[in-house]
Amino acid sequence: MSRLEDRLLLRVKRANKEFALIEPDDRVMVCLSGGKDSYTLLHLVRILQRQVPFRFTFFAVNLDQGQPGFQGDVLRNWLAQQDVEFHMLHEDTYRIVTEKIPAGKTYCSLCSRLRRGVLYDAAVRLGATRIALGHHRDDLIETALMNMLYSGKIATMPPKLRSDDGRNTVIRPLVYCAEEDIAAFAGEQGFPILPCDLCGSQDGLKRQQIKALIAQLAAENPNVKGNMLASLANVNPSHLLDPSLRAVTQPVADDEDAPLWH
């Protein structure tokens, strides 16, 4: 086991312990997009299965969304060599997205919503008790900042989430894993990365702007990303502006450094 693999696995184990992501007798559907994150997720879930003191099973699912040039055979051949259960799905959401979204607008919202619906249905059909996604630490902090700047709320991707329809439980085992570690590990393992040309071809995406901003701040202070992630687990409700929170938890003392308003 390399240092990278060991570090990533320790972070997955921490997330699993803190949030009970995978439990005895679970059947985990690992969503494999063909990107570095989902390859790493599948690899680590496979190791985790051998090391936890209980039994669970997993399988991989890839969704071909009908994008021109999608190299599904590359992924299929790689999965066949891994000796794991896998399912290749096909749903032409690409056509729907390109028809519904005007030229120049970002596809991400509709694309992800359609993809989520297909995967949720597949999870029920295939008997999965958990749907594992490859979102990592950087995805969480970028989402938190995007929500504050563009949606006016404090929220991010939760490590464990019950879907609105109550049929599925979504888990994110990589929440404590740094993107740079995942990228380096994917290179180390030689995963056959498949690009997402649908959203990757669009310029000026808000998430890319947020990613660049955080990278700039982290270049000046290497603790920025870690501090942002830590802040998501260090919430002081009495010092926020939500009336429903303040009604439950009142501040112990006024902040002496805060300005006085008259």
C-alpha atoms as a PDB file:
ATOM      1  CA  MET A   1       0.000   0.000   0.000  1.00  0.00           C
ATOM      2  CA  SER A   2       1.439   3.365  -1.041  1.00  0.00           C
ATOM      3  CA  ARG A   3       1.452   6.410   1.228  1.00  0.00           C
ATOM      4  CA  LEU A   4      -1.262   8.011  -0.871  1.00  0.00           C
ATOM      5  CA  GLU A   5      -3.467   4.941  -0.717  1.00  0.00           C
ATOM      6  CA  ASP A   6      -2.922   4.664   3.032  1.00  0.00           C
ATOM      7  CA  ARG A   7      -3.760   8.350   3.603  1.00  0.00           C
ATOM      8  CA  LEU A   8      -6.903   8.203   1.482  1.00  0.00           C
ATOM      9  CA  LEU A   9      -8.073   4.974   3.100  1.00  0.00           C
ATOM     10  CA  LEU A  10      -7.620   6.412   6.592  1.00  0.00           C
ATOM     11  CA  ARG A  11      -9.807   9.370   5.641  1.00  0.00           C
ATOM     12  CA  VAL A  12     -12.494   7.088   4.218  1.00  0.00           C
ATOM     13  CA  LYS A  13     -12.436   5.027   7.412  1.00  0.00           C
ATOM     14  CA  ARG A  14     -12.788   8.206   9.470  1.00  0.00           C
ATOM     15  CA  ALA A  15     -15.799   9.341   7.448  1.00  0.00           C
ATOM     16  CA  ASN A  16     -17.344   5.880   7.662  1.00  0.00           C
ATOM     17  CA  LYS A  17     -16.930   5.793  11.419  1.00  0.00           C
ATOM     18  CA  GLU A  18     -18.222   9.312  12.050  1.00  0.00           C
ATOM     19  CA  PHE A  19     -21.248   9.143   9.763  1.00  0.00           C
ATOM     20  CA  ALA A  20     -22.032   5.389   9.624  1.00  0.00           C
ATOM     21  CA  LEU A  21     -21.875   5.509   5.834  1.00  0.00           C
ATOM     22  CA  ILE A  22     -21.638   1.751   5.249  1.00  0.00           C
ATOM     23  CA  GLU A  23     -23.199  -0.624   7.765  1.00  0.00           C
ATOM     24  CA  PRO A  24     -23.562  -4.399   8.112  1.00  0.00           C
ATOM     25  CA  ASP A  25     -25.312  -6.131   5.204  1.00  0.00           C
ATOM     26  CA  ASP A  26     -25.390  -3.006   3.035  1.00  0.00           C
ATOM     27  CA  ARG A  27     -25.340  -3.379  -0.730  1.00  0.00           C
ATOM     28  CA  VAL A  28     -23.450  -0.342  -2.008  1.00  0.00           C
ATOM     29  CA  MET A  29     -23.896   1.011  -5.526  1.00  0.00           C
ATOM     30  CA  VAL A  30     -20.664   2.818  -6.456  1.00  0.00           C
ATOM     31  CA  CYS A  31     -21.390   5.350  -9.202  1.00  0.00           C
ATOM     32  CA  LEU A  32     -18.486   5.232 -11.654  1.00  0.00           C
ATOM     33  CA  SER A  33     -18.312   8.161 -14.071  1.00  0.00           C
ATOM     34  CA  GLY A  34     -14.876   7.387 -15.452  1.00  0.00           C
ATOM     35  CA  GLY A  35     -13.279  10.309 -13.632  1.00  0.00           C
ATOM     36  CA  LYS A  36     -10.434  10.217 -11.116  1.00  0.00           C
ATOM     37  CA  ASP A  37     -12.743  10.587  -8.104  1.00  0.00           C
ATOM     38  CA  SER A  38     -15.070   7.678  -8.839  1.00  0.00           C
ATOM     39  CA  TYR A  39     -12.209   5.347  -9.801  1.00  0.00           C
ATOM     40  CA  THR A  40     -10.544   6.146  -6.477  1.00  0.00           C
ATOM     41  CA  LEU A  41     -13.821   5.650  -4.634  1.00  0.00           C
ATOM     42  CA  LEU A  42     -14.335   2.187  -6.108  1.00  0.00           C
ATOM     43  CA  HIS A  43     -10.753   1.217  -5.314  1.00  0.00           C
ATOM     44  CA  LEU A  44     -11.054   2.306  -1.671  1.00  0.00           C
ATOM     45  CA  VAL A  45     -14.488   0.740  -1.129  1.00  0.00           C
ATOM     46  CA  ARG A  46     -13.017  -2.521  -2.345  1.00  0.00           C
ATOM     47  CA  ILE A  47     -10.221  -2.337   0.229  1.00  0.00           C
ATOM     48  CA  LEU A  48     -12.631  -1.210   2.939  1.00  0.00           C
ATOM     49  CA  GLN A  49     -14.767  -4.291   2.328  1.00  0.00           C
ATOM     50  CA  ARG A  50     -11.801  -6.504   3.250  1.00  0.00           C
ATOM     51  CA  GLN A  51     -10.909  -4.557   6.389  1.00  0.00           C
ATOM     52  CA  VAL A  52     -14.153  -3.701   8.193  1.00  0.00           C
ATOM     53  CA  PRO A  53     -15.342  -6.180  10.865  1.00  0.00           C
ATOM     54  CA  PHE A  54     -18.688  -6.800   9.162  1.00  0.00           C
ATOM     55  CA  ARG A  55     -20.018  -7.952   5.825  1.00  0.00           C
ATOM     56  CA  PHE A  56     -21.221  -5.698   3.033  1.00  0.00           C
ATOM     57  CA  THR A  57     -21.297  -6.016  -0.737  1.00  0.00           C
ATOM     58  CA  PHE A  58     -20.834  -3.480  -3.527  1.00  0.00           C
ATOM     59  CA  PHE A  59     -21.168  -3.132  -7.263  1.00  0.00           C
ATOM     60  CA  ALA A  60     -20.284  -0.469  -9.829  1.00  0.00           C
ATOM     61  CA  VAL A  61     -22.682   1.382 -12.111  1.00  0.00           C
ATOM     62  CA  ASN A  62     -21.842   3.625 -15.050  1.00  0.00           C
ATOM     63  CA  LEU A  63     -24.393   5.786 -16.830  1.00  0.00           C
ATOM     64  CA  ASP A  64     -23.801   6.511 -20.508  1.00  0.00           C
ATOM     65  CA  GLN A  65     -25.720   9.761 -21.034  1.00  0.00           C
ATOM     66  CA  GLY A  66     -25.425   9.685 -24.800  1.00  0.00           C
ATOM     67  CA  GLN A  67     -22.602  12.193 -25.114  1.00  0.00           C
ATOM     68  CA  PRO A  68     -20.857  12.025 -28.502  1.00  0.00           C
ATOM     69  CA  GLY A  69     -17.533  10.238 -28.261  1.00  0.00           C
ATOM     70  CA  PHE A  70     -18.193   8.652 -24.851  1.00  0.00           C
ATOM     71  CA  GLN A  71     -15.687   5.811 -24.484  1.00  0.00           C
ATOM     72  CA  GLY A  72     -17.909   3.326 -22.705  1.00  0.00           C
ATOM     73  CA  ASP A  73     -15.949   0.342 -23.997  1.00  0.00           C
ATOM     74  CA  VAL A  74     -12.815   1.572 -22.226  1.00  0.00           C
ATOM     75  CA  LEU A  75     -14.658   1.609 -18.917  1.00  0.00           C
ATOM     76  CA  ARG A  76     -16.421  -1.689 -19.582  1.00  0.00           C
ATOM     77  CA  ASN A  77     -13.148  -3.451 -20.401  1.00  0.00           C
ATOM     78  CA  TRP A  78     -11.457  -2.019 -17.317  1.00  0.00           C
ATOM     79  CA  LEU A  79     -14.320  -3.140 -15.068  1.00  0.00           C
ATOM     80  CA  ALA A  80     -14.286  -6.623 -16.591  1.00  0.00           C
ATOM     81  CA  GLN A  81     -10.646  -6.932 -15.552  1.00  0.00           C
ATOM     82  CA  GLN A  82     -11.412  -5.940 -11.938  1.00  0.00           C
ATOM     83  CA  ASP A  83     -13.551  -8.965 -11.114  1.00  0.00           C
ATOM     84  CA  VAL A  84     -16.353  -6.843  -9.651  1.00  0.00           C
ATOM     85  CA  GLU A  85     -20.069  -6.791 -10.333  1.00  0.00           C
ATOM     86  CA  PHE A  86     -20.910  -3.917 -12.657  1.00  0.00           C
ATOM     87  CA  HIS A  87     -23.826  -2.573 -14.678  1.00  0.00           C
ATOM     88  CA  MET A  88     -23.646  -0.282 -17.706  1.00  0.00           C
ATOM     89  CA  LEU A  89     -26.714   1.929 -18.076  1.00  0.00           C
ATOM     90  CA  HIS A  90     -27.710   4.046 -21.067  1.00  0.00           C
ATOM     91  CA  GLU A  91     -30.082   7.015 -21.029  1.00  0.00           C
ATOM     92  CA  ASP A  92     -29.875   9.785 -23.622  1.00  0.00           C
ATOM     93  CA  THR A  93     -30.006  12.728 -21.219  1.00  0.00           C
ATOM     94  CA  TYR A  94     -27.462  14.538 -23.432  1.00  0.00           C
ATOM     95  CA  ARG A  95     -30.132  15.174 -26.059  1.00  0.00           C
ATOM     96  CA  ILE A  96     -32.584  16.462 -23.450  1.00  0.00           C
ATOM     97  CA  VAL A  97     -30.023  18.803 -21.897  1.00  0.00           C
ATOM     98  CA  THR A  98     -28.838  20.270 -25.188  1.00  0.00           C
ATOM     99  CA  GLU A  99     -32.443  20.776 -26.334  1.00  0.00           C
ATOM    100  CA  LYS A 100     -33.633  22.415 -23.112  1.00  0.00           C
ATOM    101  CA  ILE A 101     -30.642  24.618 -22.244  1.00  0.00           C
ATOM    102  CA  PRO A 102     -29.990  27.657 -24.482  1.00  0.00           C
ATOM    103  CA  ALA A 103     -26.576  28.003 -26.106  1.00  0.00           C
ATOM    104  CA  GLY A 104     -24.070  29.602 -23.773  1.00  0.00           C
ATOM    105  CA  LYS A 105     -25.844  28.542 -20.583  1.00  0.00           C
ATOM    106  CA  THR A 106     -24.424  25.900 -18.239  1.00  0.00           C
ATOM    107  CA  TYR A 107     -25.764  22.369 -18.418  1.00  0.00           C
ATOM    108  CA  CYS A 108     -24.754  21.221 -14.925  1.00  0.00           C
ATOM    109  CA  SER A 109     -28.028  21.692 -13.026  1.00  0.00           C
ATOM    110  CA  LEU A 110     -30.330  19.895 -15.461  1.00  0.00           C
ATOM    111  CA  CYS A 111     -27.709  17.293 -16.345  1.00  0.00           C
ATOM    112  CA  SER A 112     -27.143  16.328 -12.708  1.00  0.00           C
ATOM    113  CA  ARG A 113     -30.885  16.265 -11.974  1.00  0.00           C
ATOM    114  CA  LEU A 114     -31.581  13.888 -14.850  1.00  0.00           C
ATOM    115  CA  ARG A 115     -28.584  11.721 -13.972  1.00  0.00           C
ATOM    116  CA  ARG A 116     -29.680  11.558 -10.344  1.00  0.00           C
ATOM    117  CA  GLY A 117     -33.156  10.339 -11.322  1.00  0.00           C
ATOM    118  CA  VAL A 118     -31.762   7.556 -13.495  1.00  0.00           C
ATOM    119  CA  LEU A 119     -29.325   6.429 -10.801  1.00  0.00           C
ATOM    120  CA  TYR A 120     -31.977   6.518  -8.060  1.00  0.00           C
ATOM    121  CA  ASP A 121     -34.246   4.276 -10.140  1.00  0.00           C
ATOM    122  CA  ALA A 122     -31.343   1.929 -10.901  1.00  0.00           C
ATOM    123  CA  ALA A 123     -30.444   1.668  -7.214  1.00  0.00           C
ATOM    124  CA  VAL A 124     -33.959   0.509  -6.354  1.00  0.00           C
ATOM    125  CA  ARG A 125     -34.069  -1.928  -9.259  1.00  0.00           C
ATOM    126  CA  LEU A 126     -30.652  -3.418  -8.389  1.00  0.00           C
ATOM    127  CA  GLY A 127     -31.365  -3.690  -4.660  1.00  0.00           C
ATOM    128  CA  ALA A 128     -28.829  -1.137  -3.412  1.00  0.00           C
ATOM    129  CA  THR A 129     -29.111   0.147   0.150  1.00  0.00           C
ATOM    130  CA  ARG A 130     -26.500   2.877  -0.382  1.00  0.00           C
ATOM    131  CA  ILE A 131     -25.540   5.016  -3.388  1.00  0.00           C
ATOM    132  CA  ALA A 132     -21.861   6.014  -3.125  1.00  0.00           C
ATOM    133  CA  LEU A 133     -20.733   9.186  -4.917  1.00  0.00           C
ATOM    134  CA  GLY A 134     -17.169  10.419  -5.414  1.00  0.00           C
ATOM    135  CA  HIS A 135     -17.474  13.965  -4.041  1.00  0.00           C
ATOM    136  CA  HIS A 136     -14.389  14.946  -2.029  1.00  0.00           C
ATOM    137  CA  ARG A 137     -13.236  17.666   0.372  1.00  0.00           C
ATOM    138  CA  ASP A 138     -12.752  20.279  -2.346  1.00  0.00           C
ATOM    139  CA  ASP A 139     -16.239  19.658  -3.737  1.00  0.00           C
ATOM    140  CA  LEU A 140     -17.703  20.282  -0.270  1.00  0.00           C
ATOM    141  CA  ILE A 141     -15.918  23.555   0.400  1.00  0.00           C
ATOM    142  CA  GLU A 142     -16.550  24.836  -3.130  1.00  0.00           C
ATOM    143  CA  THR A 143     -20.251  24.036  -2.767  1.00  0.00           C
ATOM    144  CA  ALA A 144     -20.405  25.782   0.609  1.00  0.00           C
ATOM    145  CA  LEU A 145     -18.884  28.951  -0.830  1.00  0.00           C
ATOM    146  CA  MET A 146     -21.074  28.809  -3.944  1.00  0.00           C
ATOM    147  CA  ASN A 147     -24.187  28.515  -1.800  1.00  0.00           C
ATOM    148  CA  MET A 148     -23.184  31.548   0.248  1.00  0.00           C
ATOM    149  CA  LEU A 149     -22.300  33.717  -2.757  1.00  0.00           C
ATOM    150  CA  TYR A 150     -24.964  32.675  -5.249  1.00  0.00           C
ATOM    151  CA  SER A 151     -27.826  31.071  -3.276  1.00  0.00           C
ATOM    152  CA  GLY A 152     -27.822  33.046  -0.031  1.00  0.00           C
ATOM    153  CA  LYS A 153     -27.609  30.016   2.241  1.00  0.00           C
ATOM    154  CA  ILE A 154     -25.080  28.093   4.315  1.00  0.00           C
ATOM    155  CA  ALA A 155     -25.087  24.487   3.109  1.00  0.00           C
ATOM    156  CA  THR A 156     -22.902  21.915   1.416  1.00  0.00           C
ATOM    157  CA  MET A 157     -23.017  18.291   0.260  1.00  0.00           C
ATOM    158  CA  PRO A 158     -23.765  16.098   3.305  1.00  0.00           C
ATOM    159  CA  PRO A 159     -21.745  12.906   3.834  1.00  0.00           C
ATOM    160  CA  LYS A 160     -24.993  10.949   4.206  1.00  0.00           C
ATOM    161  CA  LEU A 161     -28.372  11.949   2.823  1.00  0.00           C
ATOM    162  CA  ARG A 162     -31.780  10.351   2.564  1.00  0.00           C
ATOM    163  CA  SER A 163     -33.289  11.197  -0.821  1.00  0.00           C
ATOM    164  CA  ASP A 164     -36.465  13.287  -0.957  1.00  0.00           C
ATOM    165  CA  ASP A 165     -38.530  10.342  -2.162  1.00  0.00           C
ATOM    166  CA  GLY A 166     -37.294   8.235   0.771  1.00  0.00           C
ATOM    167  CA  ARG A 167     -36.149   5.393  -1.475  1.00  0.00           C
ATOM    168  CA  ASN A 168     -32.398   5.871  -1.379  1.00  0.00           C
ATOM    169  CA  THR A 169     -29.534   6.795   0.924  1.00  0.00           C
ATOM    170  CA  VAL A 170     -26.660   8.682  -0.702  1.00  0.00           C
ATOM    171  CA  ILE A 171     -23.179   8.519   0.854  1.00  0.00           C
ATOM    172  CA  ARG A 172     -19.941  10.377   0.115  1.00  0.00           C
ATOM    173  CA  PRO A 173     -17.030   8.373   1.585  1.00  0.00           C
ATOM    174  CA  LEU A 174     -14.376  10.771   0.181  1.00  0.00           C
ATOM    175  CA  VAL A 175     -15.533  13.867   2.120  1.00  0.00           C
ATOM    176  CA  TYR A 176     -12.224  14.088   4.024  1.00  0.00           C
ATOM    177  CA  CYS A 177     -10.045  13.326   0.977  1.00  0.00           C
ATOM    178  CA  ALA A 178      -8.167  16.162  -0.753  1.00  0.00           C
ATOM    179  CA  GLU A 179      -8.580  16.479  -4.500  1.00  0.00           C
ATOM    180  CA  GLU A 180      -4.832  16.752  -5.045  1.00  0.00           C
ATOM    181  CA  ASP A 181      -4.310  13.416  -3.268  1.00  0.00           C
ATOM    182  CA  ILE A 182      -7.005  11.782  -5.390  1.00  0.00           C
ATOM    183  CA  ALA A 183      -5.498  13.151  -8.605  1.00  0.00           C
ATOM    184  CA  ALA A 184      -2.049  11.930  -7.646  1.00  0.00           C
ATOM    185  CA  PHE A 185      -3.395   8.506  -6.678  1.00  0.00           C
ATOM    186  CA  ALA A 186      -5.333   8.166  -9.940  1.00  0.00           C
ATOM    187  CA  GLY A 187      -2.115   8.889 -11.814  1.00  0.00           C
ATOM    188  CA  GLU A 188      -0.237   6.416  -9.646  1.00  0.00           C
ATOM    189  CA  GLN A 189      -2.788   3.694 -10.424  1.00  0.00           C
ATOM    190  CA  GLY A 190      -3.059   4.529 -14.121  1.00  0.00           C
ATOM    191  CA  PHE A 191      -6.848   4.682 -14.145  1.00  0.00           C
ATOM    192  CA  PRO A 192      -8.228   5.147 -17.713  1.00  0.00           C
ATOM    193  CA  ILE A 193      -9.780   8.591 -17.183  1.00  0.00           C
ATOM    194  CA  LEU A 194     -12.739   9.499 -19.402  1.00  0.00           C
ATOM    195  CA  PRO A 195     -13.327  13.252 -19.873  1.00  0.00           C
ATOM    196  CA  CYS A 196     -16.775  14.791 -19.463  1.00  0.00           C
ATOM    197  CA  ASP A 197     -17.033  16.919 -22.584  1.00  0.00           C
ATOM    198  CA  LEU A 198     -20.570  18.050 -21.861  1.00  0.00           C
ATOM    199  CA  CYS A 199     -19.746  20.432 -19.017  1.00  0.00           C
ATOM    200  CA  GLY A 200     -15.970  20.481 -19.446  1.00  0.00           C
ATOM    201  CA  SER A 201     -16.376  22.237 -22.799  1.00  0.00           C
ATOM    202  CA  GLN A 202     -18.167  25.227 -21.268  1.00  0.00           C
ATOM    203  CA  ASP A 203     -16.201  28.262 -20.149  1.00  0.00           C
ATOM    204  CA  GLY A 204     -16.911  30.539 -17.214  1.00  0.00           C
ATOM    205  CA  LEU A 205     -18.614  28.045 -14.938  1.00  0.00           C
ATOM    206  CA  LYS A 206     -19.163  29.465 -11.460  1.00  0.00           C
ATOM    207  CA  ARG A 207     -17.628  26.399  -9.844  1.00  0.00           C
ATOM    208  CA  GLN A 208     -14.401  26.917 -11.792  1.00  0.00           C
ATOM    209  CA  GLN A 209     -14.286  30.523 -10.624  1.00  0.00           C
ATOM    210  CA  ILE A 210     -14.801  29.417  -7.014  1.00  0.00           C
ATOM    211  CA  LYS A 211     -12.143  26.717  -7.402  1.00  0.00           C
ATOM    212  CA  ALA A 212      -9.678  29.300  -8.716  1.00  0.00           C
ATOM    213  CA  LEU A 213     -10.461  31.677  -5.850  1.00  0.00           C
ATOM    214  CA  ILE A 214      -9.907  29.003  -3.210  1.00  0.00           C
ATOM    215  CA  ALA A 215      -6.689  27.893  -4.942  1.00  0.00           C
ATOM    216  CA  GLN A 216      -5.408  31.477  -4.862  1.00  0.00           C
ATOM    217  CA  LEU A 217      -6.156  31.781  -1.145  1.00  0.00           C
ATOM    218  CA  ALA A 218      -4.621  28.368  -0.436  1.00  0.00           C
ATOM    219  CA  ALA A 219      -1.444  29.393  -2.257  1.00  0.00           C
ATOM    220  CA  GLU A 220      -1.081  32.220   0.251  1.00  0.00           C
ATOM    221  CA  ASN A 221      -2.157  30.101   3.241  1.00  0.00           C
ATOM    222  CA  PRO A 222      -1.961  26.280   2.931  1.00  0.00           C
ATOM    223  CA  ASN A 223      -4.433  25.899   5.819  1.00  0.00           C
ATOM    224  CA  VAL A 224      -7.317  27.547   3.955  1.00  0.00           C
ATOM    225  CA  LYS A 225      -8.907  24.382   2.552  1.00  0.00           C
ATOM    226  CA  GLY A 226      -8.586  22.476   5.796  1.00  0.00           C
ATOM    227  CA  ASN A 227     -10.009  25.403   7.747  1.00  0.00           C
ATOM    228  CA  MET A 228     -12.959  25.699   5.383  1.00  0.00           C
ATOM    229  CA  LEU A 229     -13.757  22.015   5.805  1.00  0.00           C
ATOM    230  CA  ALA A 230     -13.349  22.258   9.591  1.00  0.00           C
ATOM    231  CA  SER A 231     -15.768  25.198   9.680  1.00  0.00           C
ATOM    232  CA  LEU A 232     -18.509  22.961   8.305  1.00  0.00           C
ATOM    233  CA  ALA A 233     -18.243  20.873  11.477  1.00  0.00           C
ATOM    234  CA  ASN A 234     -17.764  23.854  13.816  1.00  0.00           C
ATOM    235  CA  VAL A 235     -21.064  25.730  13.599  1.00  0.00           C
ATOM    236  CA  ASN A 236     -22.122  28.276  16.210  1.00  0.00           C
ATOM    237  CA  PRO A 237     -25.904  28.629  15.699  1.00  0.00           C
ATOM    238  CA  SER A 238     -26.266  31.508  18.141  1.00  0.00           C
ATOM    239  CA  HIS A 239     -23.953  33.634  16.026  1.00  0.00           C
ATOM    240  CA  LEU A 240     -25.942  33.254  12.826  1.00  0.00           C
ATOM    241  CA  LEU A 241     -29.001  35.178  11.643  1.00  0.00           C
ATOM    242  CA  ASP A 242     -31.548  32.380  11.306  1.00  0.00           C
ATOM    243  CA  PRO A 243     -34.353  33.282  13.800  1.00  0.00           C
ATOM    244  CA  SER A 244     -35.311  29.636  14.239  1.00  0.00           C
ATOM    245  CA  LEU A 245     -31.782  28.846  15.446  1.00  0.00           C
ATOM    246  CA  ARG A 246     -31.527  31.818  17.781  1.00  0.00           C
ATOM    247  CA  ALA A 247     -34.846  30.919  19.382  1.00  0.00           C
ATOM    248  CA  VAL A 248     -33.294  27.644  20.499  1.00  0.00           C
ATOM    249  CA  THR A 249     -29.759  28.746  21.312  1.00  0.00           C
ATOM    250  CA  GLN A 250     -29.113  32.230  22.642  1.00  0.00           C
ATOM    251  CA  PRO A 251     -25.573  33.624  22.716  1.00  0.00           C
ATOM    252  CA  VAL A 252     -23.837  33.443  26.078  1.00  0.00           C
ATOM    253  CA  ALA A 253     -22.252  36.854  25.678  1.00  0.00           C
ATOM    254  CA  ASP A 254     -22.068  39.601  23.081  1.00  0.00           C
ATOM    255  CA  ASP A 255     -19.049  39.662  20.810  1.00  0.00           C
ATOM    256  CA  GLU A 256     -16.932  42.488  22.201  1.00  0.00           C
ATOM    257  CA  ASP A 257     -15.405  43.072  18.798  1.00  0.00           C
ATOM    258  CA  ALA A 258     -18.753  43.507  17.052  1.00  0.00           C
ATOM    259  CA  PRO A 259     -19.865  47.027  16.134  1.00  0.00           C
ATOM    260  CA  LEU A 260     -22.650  48.597  18.221  1.00  0.00           C
ATOM    261  CA  TRP A 261     -25.690  49.623  16.236  1.00  0.00           C
ATOM    262  CA  HIS A 262     -28.060  52.325  17.505  1.00  0.00           C
END
